[in-house]
Amino acid sequence: MAEVGFISQEQKERTLRTPLKIQSRESAYFSKAPYFTEFIRHHVERKYGKERLYQEGLRIYTTLDLSLQRDAQRAMEMGLRELDKRQGFRGPLRTLSRRS
C-alpha cells in the first residue's frame, strides 16, 4: 500500500510494529446457545447464501438474551432430571445373546 501511495512510509512502519490481534471466528454464543445459533446460521445461509454468510463479514443481530437462555437451559435440565426420576431408564427390556 505504501508503494502505490495509499499510506505513507511512516504508517507502514507503524503498522508493521503493531502486534496482530487474532480473534476467534467462533462466538461465545455458539457454546452458550448452540441450537438458537445454528437455527440463525441456517436461516441466514438459506436466505443470503454461503458466500455472503462466510466471506462478507455480516453482522447479525438477534433477540437472544444469554441470561434468559441460561435460565431456560437450567429449567429444561431440572425438568428432565425430575422426569427421569419418575419414568427414567430402568435397564434394557432384554439382552440378546451373542453368537460366536
PDB file of N, CA and C in Angstrom:
ATOM      1  N   MET A   1       0.828  -1.182   0.000  1.00  0.00           N
ATOM      2  CA  MET A   1       0.000   0.000   0.000  1.00  0.00           C
ATOM      3  C   MET A   1       0.877   1.253   0.000  1.00  0.00           C
ATOM      4  N   ALA A   2       2.010   1.183   0.715  1.00  0.00           N
ATOM      5  CA  ALA A   2       2.915   2.323   0.724  1.00  0.00           C
ATOM      6  C   ALA A   2       3.537   2.524  -0.656  1.00  0.00           C
ATOM      7  N   GLU A   3       3.818   1.420  -1.337  1.00  0.00           N
ATOM      8  CA  GLU A   3       4.453   1.514  -2.664  1.00  0.00           C
ATOM      9  C   GLU A   3       3.550   2.186  -3.691  1.00  0.00           C
ATOM     10  N   VAL A   4       2.251   2.063  -3.566  1.00  0.00           N
ATOM     11  CA  VAL A   4       1.342   2.684  -4.529  1.00  0.00           C
ATOM     12  C   VAL A   4       0.703   3.966  -3.986  1.00  0.00           C
ATOM     13  N   GLY A   5       1.115   4.407  -2.791  1.00  0.00           N
ATOM     14  CA  GLY A   5       0.699   5.699  -2.284  1.00  0.00           C
ATOM     15  C   GLY A   5      -0.580   5.746  -1.470  1.00  0.00           C
ATOM     16  N   PHE A   6      -1.110   4.601  -1.088  1.00  0.00           N
ATOM     17  CA  PHE A   6      -2.322   4.615  -0.269  1.00  0.00           C
ATOM     18  C   PHE A   6      -2.025   4.990   1.181  1.00  0.00           C
ATOM     19  N   ILE A   7      -0.847   4.659   1.663  1.00  0.00           N
ATOM     20  CA  ILE A   7      -0.424   5.040   3.009  1.00  0.00           C
ATOM     21  C   ILE A   7       1.010   5.552   2.937  1.00  0.00           C
ATOM     22  N   SER A   8       1.393   6.306   3.956  1.00  0.00           N
ATOM     23  CA  SER A   8       2.758   6.832   3.989  1.00  0.00           C
ATOM     24  C   SER A   8       3.725   5.763   4.485  1.00  0.00           C
ATOM     25  N   GLN A   9       5.016   6.013   4.274  1.00  0.00           N
ATOM     26  CA  GLN A   9       6.040   5.089   4.764  1.00  0.00           C
ATOM     27  C   GLN A   9       5.979   4.983   6.289  1.00  0.00           C
ATOM     28  N   GLU A  10       5.702   6.105   6.952  1.00  0.00           N
ATOM     29  CA  GLU A  10       5.580   6.109   8.411  1.00  0.00           C
ATOM     30  C   GLU A  10       4.402   5.236   8.867  1.00  0.00           C
ATOM     31  N   GLN A  11       3.269   5.326   8.183  1.00  0.00           N
ATOM     32  CA  GLN A  11       2.113   4.494   8.517  1.00  0.00           C
ATOM     33  C   GLN A  11       2.443   3.014   8.318  1.00  0.00           C
ATOM     34  N   LYS A  12       3.166   2.721   7.273  1.00  0.00           N
ATOM     35  CA  LYS A  12       3.554   1.332   7.002  1.00  0.00           C
ATOM     36  C   LYS A  12       4.407   0.790   8.140  1.00  0.00           C
ATOM     37  N   GLU A  13       5.430   1.557   8.546  1.00  0.00           N
ATOM     38  CA  GLU A  13       6.348   1.107   9.597  1.00  0.00           C
ATOM     39  C   GLU A  13       5.624   0.962  10.943  1.00  0.00           C
ATOM     40  N   ARG A  14       4.750   1.910  11.242  1.00  0.00           N
ATOM     41  CA  ARG A  14       3.987   1.841  12.497  1.00  0.00           C
ATOM     42  C   ARG A  14       3.077   0.610  12.497  1.00  0.00           C
ATOM     43  N   THR A  15       2.462   0.351  11.372  1.00  0.00           N
ATOM     44  CA  THR A  15       1.576  -0.804  11.260  1.00  0.00           C
ATOM     45  C   THR A  15       2.351  -2.102  11.388  1.00  0.00           C
ATOM     46  N   LEU A  16       3.525  -2.174  10.800  1.00  0.00           N
ATOM     47  CA  LEU A  16       4.335  -3.389  10.895  1.00  0.00           C
ATOM     48  C   LEU A  16       4.795  -3.669  12.325  1.00  0.00           C
ATOM     49  N   ARG A  17       4.928  -2.614  13.147  1.00  0.00           N
ATOM     50  CA  ARG A  17       5.327  -2.794  14.549  1.00  0.00           C
ATOM     51  C   ARG A  17       4.148  -3.171  15.444  1.00  0.00           C
ATOM     52  N   THR A  18       2.942  -2.935  14.993  1.00  0.00           N
ATOM     53  CA  THR A  18       1.758  -3.210  15.796  1.00  0.00           C
ATOM     54  C   THR A  18       1.484  -4.712  15.828  1.00  0.00           C
ATOM     55  N   PRO A  19       1.368  -5.303  17.032  1.00  0.00           N
ATOM     56  CA  PRO A  19       1.079  -6.744  17.106  1.00  0.00           C
ATOM     57  C   PRO A  19      -0.325  -7.053  16.577  1.00  0.00           C
ATOM     58  N   LEU A  20      -0.433  -8.190  15.938  1.00  0.00           N
ATOM     59  CA  LEU A  20      -1.724  -8.623  15.413  1.00  0.00           C
ATOM     60  C   LEU A  20      -2.600  -9.138  16.548  1.00  0.00           C
ATOM     61  N   LYS A  21      -3.870  -8.809  16.496  1.00  0.00           N
ATOM     62  CA  LYS A  21      -4.845  -9.348  17.441  1.00  0.00           C
ATOM     63  C   LYS A  21      -5.705 -10.326  16.656  1.00  0.00           C
ATOM     64  N   ILE A  22      -5.561 -11.581  16.975  1.00  0.00           N
ATOM     65  CA  ILE A  22      -6.317 -12.598  16.263  1.00  0.00           C
ATOM     66  C   ILE A  22      -7.538 -12.951  17.096  1.00  0.00           C
ATOM     67  N   GLN A  23      -8.689 -12.809  16.489  1.00  0.00           N
ATOM     68  CA  GLN A  23      -9.944 -13.085  17.180  1.00  0.00           C
ATOM     69  C   GLN A  23     -10.550 -14.342  16.583  1.00  0.00           C
ATOM     70  N   SER A  24     -10.980 -15.208  17.451  1.00  0.00           N
ATOM     71  CA  SER A  24     -11.625 -16.441  17.006  1.00  0.00           C
ATOM     72  C   SER A  24     -12.894 -16.104  16.250  1.00  0.00           C
ATOM     73  N   ARG A  25     -13.155 -16.870  15.201  1.00  0.00           N
ATOM     74  CA  ARG A  25     -14.392 -16.664  14.450  1.00  0.00           C
ATOM     75  C   ARG A  25     -15.578 -17.213  15.227  1.00  0.00           C
ATOM     76  N   GLU A  26     -15.300 -18.088  16.159  1.00  0.00           N
ATOM     77  CA  GLU A  26     -16.377 -18.692  16.946  1.00  0.00           C
ATOM     78  C   GLU A  26     -16.768 -17.746  18.066  1.00  0.00           C
ATOM     79  N   SER A  27     -18.012 -17.439  18.143  1.00  0.00           N
ATOM     80  CA  SER A  27     -18.532 -16.533  19.145  1.00  0.00           C
ATOM     81  C   SER A  27     -18.900 -17.307  20.410  1.00  0.00           C
ATOM     82  N   ALA A  28     -19.003 -16.594  21.506  1.00  0.00           N
ATOM     83  CA  ALA A  28     -19.444 -17.217  22.758  1.00  0.00           C
ATOM     84  C   ALA A  28     -20.854 -17.760  22.625  1.00  0.00           C
ATOM     85  N   TYR A  29     -21.614 -17.200  21.720  1.00  0.00           N
ATOM     86  CA  TYR A  29     -22.994 -17.639  21.538  1.00  0.00           C
ATOM     87  C   TYR A  29     -23.073 -19.082  21.039  1.00  0.00           C
ATOM     88  N   PHE A  30     -22.071 -19.522  20.269  1.00  0.00           N
ATOM     89  CA  PHE A  30     -22.098 -20.887  19.760  1.00  0.00           C
ATOM     90  C   PHE A  30     -22.059 -21.904  20.896  1.00  0.00           C
ATOM     91  N   SER A  31     -21.284 -21.630  21.924  1.00  0.00           N
ATOM     92  CA  SER A  31     -21.191 -22.593  23.020  1.00  0.00           C
ATOM     93  C   SER A  31     -22.313 -22.422  24.043  1.00  0.00           C
ATOM     94  N   LYS A  32     -22.849 -21.219  24.178  1.00  0.00           N
ATOM     95  CA  LYS A  32     -23.866 -20.975  25.206  1.00  0.00           C
ATOM     96  C   LYS A  32     -25.293 -21.142  24.694  1.00  0.00           C
ATOM     97  N   ALA A  33     -25.495 -21.035  23.395  1.00  0.00           N
ATOM     98  CA  ALA A  33     -26.838 -21.193  22.820  1.00  0.00           C
ATOM     99  C   ALA A  33     -26.705 -21.881  21.459  1.00  0.00           C
ATOM    100  N   PRO A  34     -26.213 -23.120  21.453  1.00  0.00           N
ATOM    101  CA  PRO A  34     -25.903 -23.761  20.163  1.00  0.00           C
ATOM    102  C   PRO A  34     -27.111 -23.989  19.267  1.00  0.00           C
ATOM    103  N   TYR A  35     -28.260 -24.336  19.815  1.00  0.00           N
ATOM    104  CA  TYR A  35     -29.427 -24.609  18.972  1.00  0.00           C
ATOM    105  C   TYR A  35     -29.939 -23.323  18.329  1.00  0.00           C
ATOM    106  N   PHE A  36     -30.046 -22.275  19.122  1.00  0.00           N
ATOM    107  CA  PHE A  36     -30.510 -20.987  18.609  1.00  0.00           C
ATOM    108  C   PHE A  36     -29.540 -20.464  17.550  1.00  0.00           C
ATOM    109  N   THR A  37     -28.251 -20.517  17.854  1.00  0.00           N
ATOM    110  CA  THR A  37     -27.240 -20.008  16.930  1.00  0.00           C
ATOM    111  C   THR A  37     -27.252 -20.786  15.623  1.00  0.00           C
ATOM    112  N   GLU A  38     -27.383 -22.100  15.705  1.00  0.00           N
ATOM    113  CA  GLU A  38     -27.423 -22.910  14.490  1.00  0.00           C
ATOM    114  C   GLU A  38     -28.687 -22.607  13.682  1.00  0.00           C
ATOM    115  N   PHE A  39     -29.810 -22.380  14.347  1.00  0.00           N
ATOM    116  CA  PHE A  39     -31.034 -22.014  13.644  1.00  0.00           C
ATOM    117  C   PHE A  39     -30.836 -20.722  12.864  1.00  0.00           C
ATOM    118  N   ILE A  40     -30.230 -19.726  13.498  1.00  0.00           N
ATOM    119  CA  ILE A  40     -29.981 -18.437  12.846  1.00  0.00           C
ATOM    120  C   ILE A  40     -28.993 -18.615  11.695  1.00  0.00           C
ATOM    121  N   ARG A  41     -27.915 -19.376  11.920  1.00  0.00           N
ATOM    122  CA  ARG A  41     -26.931 -19.604  10.863  1.00  0.00           C
ATOM    123  C   ARG A  41     -27.587 -20.252   9.649  1.00  0.00           C
ATOM    124  N   HIS A  42     -28.403 -21.256   9.886  1.00  0.00           N
ATOM    125  CA  HIS A  42     -29.079 -21.961   8.801  1.00  0.00           C
ATOM    126  C   HIS A  42     -30.022 -21.022   8.043  1.00  0.00           C
ATOM    127  N   HIS A  43     -30.773 -20.209   8.775  1.00  0.00           N
ATOM    128  CA  HIS A  43     -31.707 -19.265   8.167  1.00  0.00           C
ATOM    129  C   HIS A  43     -30.957 -18.251   7.293  1.00  0.00           C
ATOM    130  N   VAL A  44     -29.888 -17.681   7.811  1.00  0.00           N
ATOM    131  CA  VAL A  44     -29.116 -16.673   7.064  1.00  0.00           C
ATOM    132  C   VAL A  44     -28.475 -17.313   5.836  1.00  0.00           C
ATOM    133  N   GLU A  45     -27.937 -18.515   5.990  1.00  0.00           N
ATOM    134  CA  GLU A  45     -27.321 -19.207   4.850  1.00  0.00           C
ATOM    135  C   GLU A  45     -28.353 -19.462   3.754  1.00  0.00           C
ATOM    136  N   ARG A  46     -29.544 -19.886   4.150  1.00  0.00           N
ATOM    137  CA  ARG A  46     -30.603 -20.157   3.176  1.00  0.00           C
ATOM    138  C   ARG A  46     -31.050 -18.873   2.471  1.00  0.00           C
ATOM    139  N   LYS A  47     -31.138 -17.788   3.214  1.00  0.00           N
ATOM    140  CA  LYS A  47     -31.643 -16.535   2.650  1.00  0.00           C
ATOM    141  C   LYS A  47     -30.597 -15.795   1.809  1.00  0.00           C
ATOM    142  N   TYR A  48     -29.336 -15.774   2.280  1.00  0.00           N
ATOM    143  CA  TYR A  48     -28.318 -14.964   1.617  1.00  0.00           C
ATOM    144  C   TYR A  48     -27.235 -15.775   0.903  1.00  0.00           C
ATOM    145  N   GLY A  49     -27.139 -17.075   1.211  1.00  0.00           N
ATOM    146  CA  GLY A  49     -26.132 -17.906   0.571  1.00  0.00           C
ATOM    147  C   GLY A  49     -24.863 -18.026   1.402  1.00  0.00           C
ATOM    148  N   LYS A  50     -24.120 -19.104   1.130  1.00  0.00           N
ATOM    149  CA  LYS A  50     -22.900 -19.378   1.897  1.00  0.00           C
ATOM    150  C   LYS A  50     -21.842 -18.303   1.709  1.00  0.00           C
ATOM    151  N   GLU A  51     -21.684 -17.836   0.479  1.00  0.00           N
ATOM    152  CA  GLU A  51     -20.618 -16.866   0.214  1.00  0.00           C
ATOM    153  C   GLU A  51     -20.810 -15.597   1.029  1.00  0.00           C
ATOM    154  N   ARG A  52     -22.026 -15.051   1.030  1.00  0.00           N
ATOM    155  CA  ARG A  52     -22.261 -13.829   1.812  1.00  0.00           C
ATOM    156  C   ARG A  52     -22.095 -14.093   3.300  1.00  0.00           C
ATOM    157  N   LEU A  53     -22.574 -15.261   3.759  1.00  0.00           N
ATOM    158  CA  LEU A  53     -22.501 -15.582   5.180  1.00  0.00           C
ATOM    159  C   LEU A  53     -21.057 -15.711   5.646  1.00  0.00           C
ATOM    160  N   TYR A  54     -20.230 -16.419   4.885  1.00  0.00           N
ATOM    161  CA  TYR A  54     -18.878 -16.736   5.346  1.00  0.00           C
ATOM    162  C   TYR A  54     -17.793 -15.802   4.820  1.00  0.00           C
ATOM    163  N   GLN A  55     -18.062 -15.055   3.769  1.00  0.00           N
ATOM    164  CA  GLN A  55     -17.000 -14.252   3.164  1.00  0.00           C
ATOM    165  C   GLN A  55     -17.178 -12.738   3.313  1.00  0.00           C
ATOM    166  N   GLU A  56     -18.379 -12.273   3.585  1.00  0.00           N
ATOM    167  CA  GLU A  56     -18.609 -10.837   3.551  1.00  0.00           C
ATOM    168  C   GLU A  56     -18.677 -10.167   4.916  1.00  0.00           C
ATOM    169  N   GLY A  57     -18.437 -10.908   5.981  1.00  0.00           N
ATOM    170  CA  GLY A  57     -18.382 -10.293   7.308  1.00  0.00           C
ATOM    171  C   GLY A  57     -19.707  -9.705   7.763  1.00  0.00           C
ATOM    172  N   LEU A  58     -20.784 -10.450   7.592  1.00  0.00           N
ATOM    173  CA  LEU A  58     -22.094  -9.965   8.014  1.00  0.00           C
ATOM    174  C   LEU A  58     -22.148  -9.780   9.524  1.00  0.00           C
ATOM    175  N   ARG A  59     -22.894  -8.800   9.963  1.00  0.00           N
ATOM    176  CA  ARG A  59     -23.214  -8.639  11.382  1.00  0.00           C
ATOM    177  C   ARG A  59     -24.674  -9.000  11.533  1.00  0.00           C
ATOM    178  N   ILE A  60     -24.948  -9.911  12.444  1.00  0.00           N
ATOM    179  CA  ILE A  60     -26.304 -10.416  12.609  1.00  0.00           C
ATOM    180  C   ILE A  60     -26.761 -10.099  14.027  1.00  0.00           C
ATOM    181  N   TYR A  61     -27.856  -9.400  14.129  1.00  0.00           N
ATOM    182  CA  TYR A  61     -28.429  -9.038  15.422  1.00  0.00           C
ATOM    183  C   TYR A  61     -29.672  -9.889  15.645  1.00  0.00           C
ATOM    184  N   THR A  62     -29.771 -10.486  16.824  1.00  0.00           N
ATOM    185  CA  THR A  62     -30.903 -11.366  17.128  1.00  0.00           C
ATOM    186  C   THR A  62     -31.564 -10.955  18.433  1.00  0.00           C
ATOM    187  N   THR A  63     -32.581 -11.699  18.788  1.00  0.00           N
ATOM    188  CA  THR A  63     -33.322 -11.450  20.027  1.00  0.00           C
ATOM    189  C   THR A  63     -32.750 -12.216  21.213  1.00  0.00           C
ATOM    190  N   LEU A  64     -31.654 -12.935  21.019  1.00  0.00           N
ATOM    191  CA  LEU A  64     -31.103 -13.789  22.070  1.00  0.00           C
ATOM    192  C   LEU A  64     -30.675 -12.975  23.290  1.00  0.00           C
ATOM    193  N   ASP A  65     -31.133 -13.406  24.442  1.00  0.00           N
ATOM    194  CA  ASP A  65     -30.722 -12.840  25.722  1.00  0.00           C
ATOM    195  C   ASP A  65     -30.043 -13.985  26.478  1.00  0.00           C
ATOM    196  N   LEU A  66     -28.722 -13.905  26.641  1.00  0.00           N
ATOM    197  CA  LEU A  66     -27.979 -15.029  27.221  1.00  0.00           C
ATOM    198  C   LEU A  66     -28.407 -15.358  28.643  1.00  0.00           C
ATOM    199  N   SER A  67     -28.804 -14.373  29.430  1.00  0.00           N
ATOM    200  CA  SER A  67     -29.228 -14.690  30.805  1.00  0.00           C
ATOM    201  C   SER A  67     -30.538 -15.479  30.776  1.00  0.00           C
ATOM    202  N   LEU A  68     -31.458 -15.107  29.897  1.00  0.00           N
ATOM    203  CA  LEU A  68     -32.696 -15.884  29.767  1.00  0.00           C
ATOM    204  C   LEU A  68     -32.413 -17.266  29.186  1.00  0.00           C
ATOM    205  N   GLN A  69     -31.455 -17.349  28.265  1.00  0.00           N
ATOM    206  CA  GLN A  69     -31.089 -18.638  27.679  1.00  0.00           C
ATOM    207  C   GLN A  69     -30.546 -19.580  28.758  1.00  0.00           C
ATOM    208  N   ARG A  70     -29.686 -19.058  29.633  1.00  0.00           N
ATOM    209  CA  ARG A  70     -29.144 -19.873  30.734  1.00  0.00           C
ATOM    210  C   ARG A  70     -30.261 -20.353  31.652  1.00  0.00           C
ATOM    211  N   ASP A  71     -31.182 -19.447  31.993  1.00  0.00           N
ATOM    212  CA  ASP A  71     -32.303 -19.827  32.852  1.00  0.00           C
ATOM    213  C   ASP A  71     -33.156 -20.914  32.197  1.00  0.00           C
ATOM    214  N   ALA A  72     -33.417 -20.774  30.912  1.00  0.00           N
ATOM    215  CA  ALA A  72     -34.208 -21.771  30.192  1.00  0.00           C
ATOM    216  C   ALA A  72     -33.488 -23.116  30.150  1.00  0.00           C
ATOM    217  N   GLN A  73     -32.185 -23.076  29.940  1.00  0.00           N
ATOM    218  CA  GLN A  73     -31.393 -24.314  29.890  1.00  0.00           C
ATOM    219  C   GLN A  73     -31.429 -25.023  31.248  1.00  0.00           C
ATOM    220  N   ARG A  74     -31.252 -24.264  32.323  1.00  0.00           N
ATOM    221  CA  ARG A  74     -31.314 -24.854  33.672  1.00  0.00           C
ATOM    222  C   ARG A  74     -32.687 -25.458  33.956  1.00  0.00           C
ATOM    223  N   ALA A  75     -33.739 -24.738  33.582  1.00  0.00           N
ATOM    224  CA  ALA A  75     -35.101 -25.232  33.816  1.00  0.00           C
ATOM    225  C   ALA A  75     -35.334 -26.522  33.042  1.00  0.00           C
ATOM    226  N   MET A  76     -34.846 -26.580  31.807  1.00  0.00           N
ATOM    227  CA  MET A  76     -35.013 -27.785  30.998  1.00  0.00           C
ATOM    228  C   MET A  76     -34.251 -28.955  31.621  1.00  0.00           C
ATOM    229  N   GLU A  77     -33.036 -28.726  32.058  1.00  0.00           N
ATOM    230  CA  GLU A  77     -32.241 -29.798  32.677  1.00  0.00           C
ATOM    231  C   GLU A  77     -32.900 -30.298  33.965  1.00  0.00           C
ATOM    232  N   MET A  78     -33.389 -29.380  34.782  1.00  0.00           N
ATOM    233  CA  MET A  78     -34.061 -29.789  36.020  1.00  0.00           C
ATOM    234  C   MET A  78     -35.320 -30.597  35.705  1.00  0.00           C
ATOM    235  N   GLY A  79     -36.090 -30.147  34.722  1.00  0.00           N
ATOM    236  CA  GLY A  79     -37.296 -30.863  34.338  1.00  0.00           C
ATOM    237  C   GLY A  79     -36.989 -32.263  33.826  1.00  0.00           C
ATOM    238  N   LEU A  80     -35.910 -32.381  33.042  1.00  0.00           N
ATOM    239  CA  LEU A  80     -35.527 -33.704  32.537  1.00  0.00           C
ATOM    240  C   LEU A  80     -35.058 -34.623  33.661  1.00  0.00           C
ATOM    241  N   ARG A  81     -34.336 -34.070  34.633  1.00  0.00           N
ATOM    242  CA  ARG A  81     -33.915 -34.889  35.776  1.00  0.00           C
ATOM    243  C   ARG A  81     -35.118 -35.383  36.570  1.00  0.00           C
ATOM    244  N   GLU A  82     -36.067 -34.499  36.797  1.00  0.00           N
ATOM    245  CA  GLU A  82     -37.276 -34.897  37.530  1.00  0.00           C
ATOM    246  C   GLU A  82     -38.074 -35.935  36.749  1.00  0.00           C
ATOM    247  N   LEU A  83     -38.177 -35.766  35.449  1.00  0.00           N
ATOM    248  CA  LEU A  83     -38.863 -36.753  34.614  1.00  0.00           C
ATOM    249  C   LEU A  83     -38.145 -38.092  34.675  1.00  0.00           C
ATOM    250  N   ASP A  84     -36.819 -38.057  34.646  1.00  0.00           N
ATOM    251  CA  ASP A  84     -36.043 -39.301  34.718  1.00  0.00           C
ATOM    252  C   ASP A  84     -36.265 -40.002  36.053  1.00  0.00           C
ATOM    253  N   LYS A  85     -36.381 -39.234  37.128  1.00  0.00           N
ATOM    254  CA  LYS A  85     -36.656 -39.844  38.432  1.00  0.00           C
ATOM    255  C   LYS A  85     -38.005 -40.543  38.432  1.00  0.00           C
ATOM    256  N   ARG A  86     -38.981 -39.940  37.763  1.00  0.00           N
ATOM    257  CA  ARG A  86     -40.326 -40.533  37.722  1.00  0.00           C
ATOM    258  C   ARG A  86     -40.432 -41.681  36.728  1.00  0.00           C
ATOM    259  N   GLN A  87     -39.853 -41.526  35.553  1.00  0.00           N
ATOM    260  CA  GLN A  87     -40.077 -42.504  34.486  1.00  0.00           C
ATOM    261  C   GLN A  87     -38.788 -42.994  33.840  1.00  0.00           C
ATOM    262  N   GLY A  88     -37.670 -42.697  34.417  1.00  0.00           N
ATOM    263  CA  GLY A  88     -36.376 -42.881  33.772  1.00  0.00           C
ATOM    264  C   GLY A  88     -36.021 -44.274  33.308  1.00  0.00           C
ATOM    265  N   PHE A  89     -34.878 -44.381  32.727  1.00  0.00           N
ATOM    266  CA  PHE A  89     -34.339 -45.631  32.210  1.00  0.00           C
ATOM    267  C   PHE A  89     -34.146 -46.611  33.355  1.00  0.00           C
ATOM    268  N   ARG A  90     -34.712 -47.793  33.213  1.00  0.00           N
ATOM    269  CA  ARG A  90     -34.632 -48.795  34.272  1.00  0.00           C
ATOM    270  C   ARG A  90     -33.930 -50.058  33.795  1.00  0.00           C
ATOM    271  N   GLY A  91     -33.150 -49.948  32.782  1.00  0.00           N
ATOM    272  CA  GLY A  91     -32.418 -51.098  32.257  1.00  0.00           C
ATOM    273  C   GLY A  91     -33.038 -51.599  30.961  1.00  0.00           C
ATOM    274  N   PRO A  92     -32.332 -52.456  30.260  1.00  0.00           N
ATOM    275  CA  PRO A  92     -32.830 -52.976  28.981  1.00  0.00           C
ATOM    276  C   PRO A  92     -34.034 -53.893  29.184  1.00  0.00           C
ATOM    277  N   LEU A  93     -34.897 -53.940  28.168  1.00  0.00           N
ATOM    278  CA  LEU A  93     -36.051 -54.830  28.236  1.00  0.00           C
ATOM    279  C   LEU A  93     -35.593 -56.288  28.186  1.00  0.00           C
ATOM    280  N   ARG A  94     -34.580 -56.547  27.393  1.00  0.00           N
ATOM    281  CA  ARG A  94     -33.989 -57.898  27.355  1.00  0.00           C
ATOM    282  C   ARG A  94     -32.585 -57.788  26.761  1.00  0.00           C
ATOM    283  N   THR A  95     -31.807 -58.841  26.968  1.00  0.00           N
ATOM    284  CA  THR A  95     -30.446 -58.872  26.443  1.00  0.00           C
ATOM    285  C   THR A  95     -30.372 -59.924  25.365  1.00  0.00           C
ATOM    286  N   LEU A  96     -29.831 -59.562  24.230  1.00  0.00           N
ATOM    287  CA  LEU A  96     -29.672 -60.517  23.137  1.00  0.00           C
ATOM    288  C   LEU A  96     -28.415 -61.352  23.380  1.00  0.00           C
ATOM    289  N   SER A  97     -28.490 -62.619  23.060  1.00  0.00           N
ATOM    290  CA  SER A  97     -27.310 -63.462  23.239  1.00  0.00           C
ATOM    291  C   SER A  97     -26.363 -63.250  22.069  1.00  0.00           C
ATOM    292  N   ARG A  98     -25.086 -63.443  22.340  1.00  0.00           N
ATOM    293  CA  ARG A  98     -24.074 -63.311  21.293  1.00  0.00           C
ATOM    294  C   ARG A  98     -23.848 -64.642  20.642  1.00  0.00           C
ATOM    295  N   ARG A  99     -23.825 -64.642  19.321  1.00  0.00           N
ATOM    296  CA  ARG A  99     -23.499 -65.888  18.589  1.00  0.00           C
ATOM    297  C   ARG A  99     -22.040 -65.836  18.228  1.00  0.00           C
ATOM    298  N   SER A 100     -21.358 -66.934  18.396  1.00  0.00           N
ATOM    299  CA  SER A 100     -19.921 -66.984  18.094  1.00  0.00           C
ATOM    300  C   SER A 100     -19.680 -67.518  16.720  1.00  0.00           C
TER     301      SER A 100
END
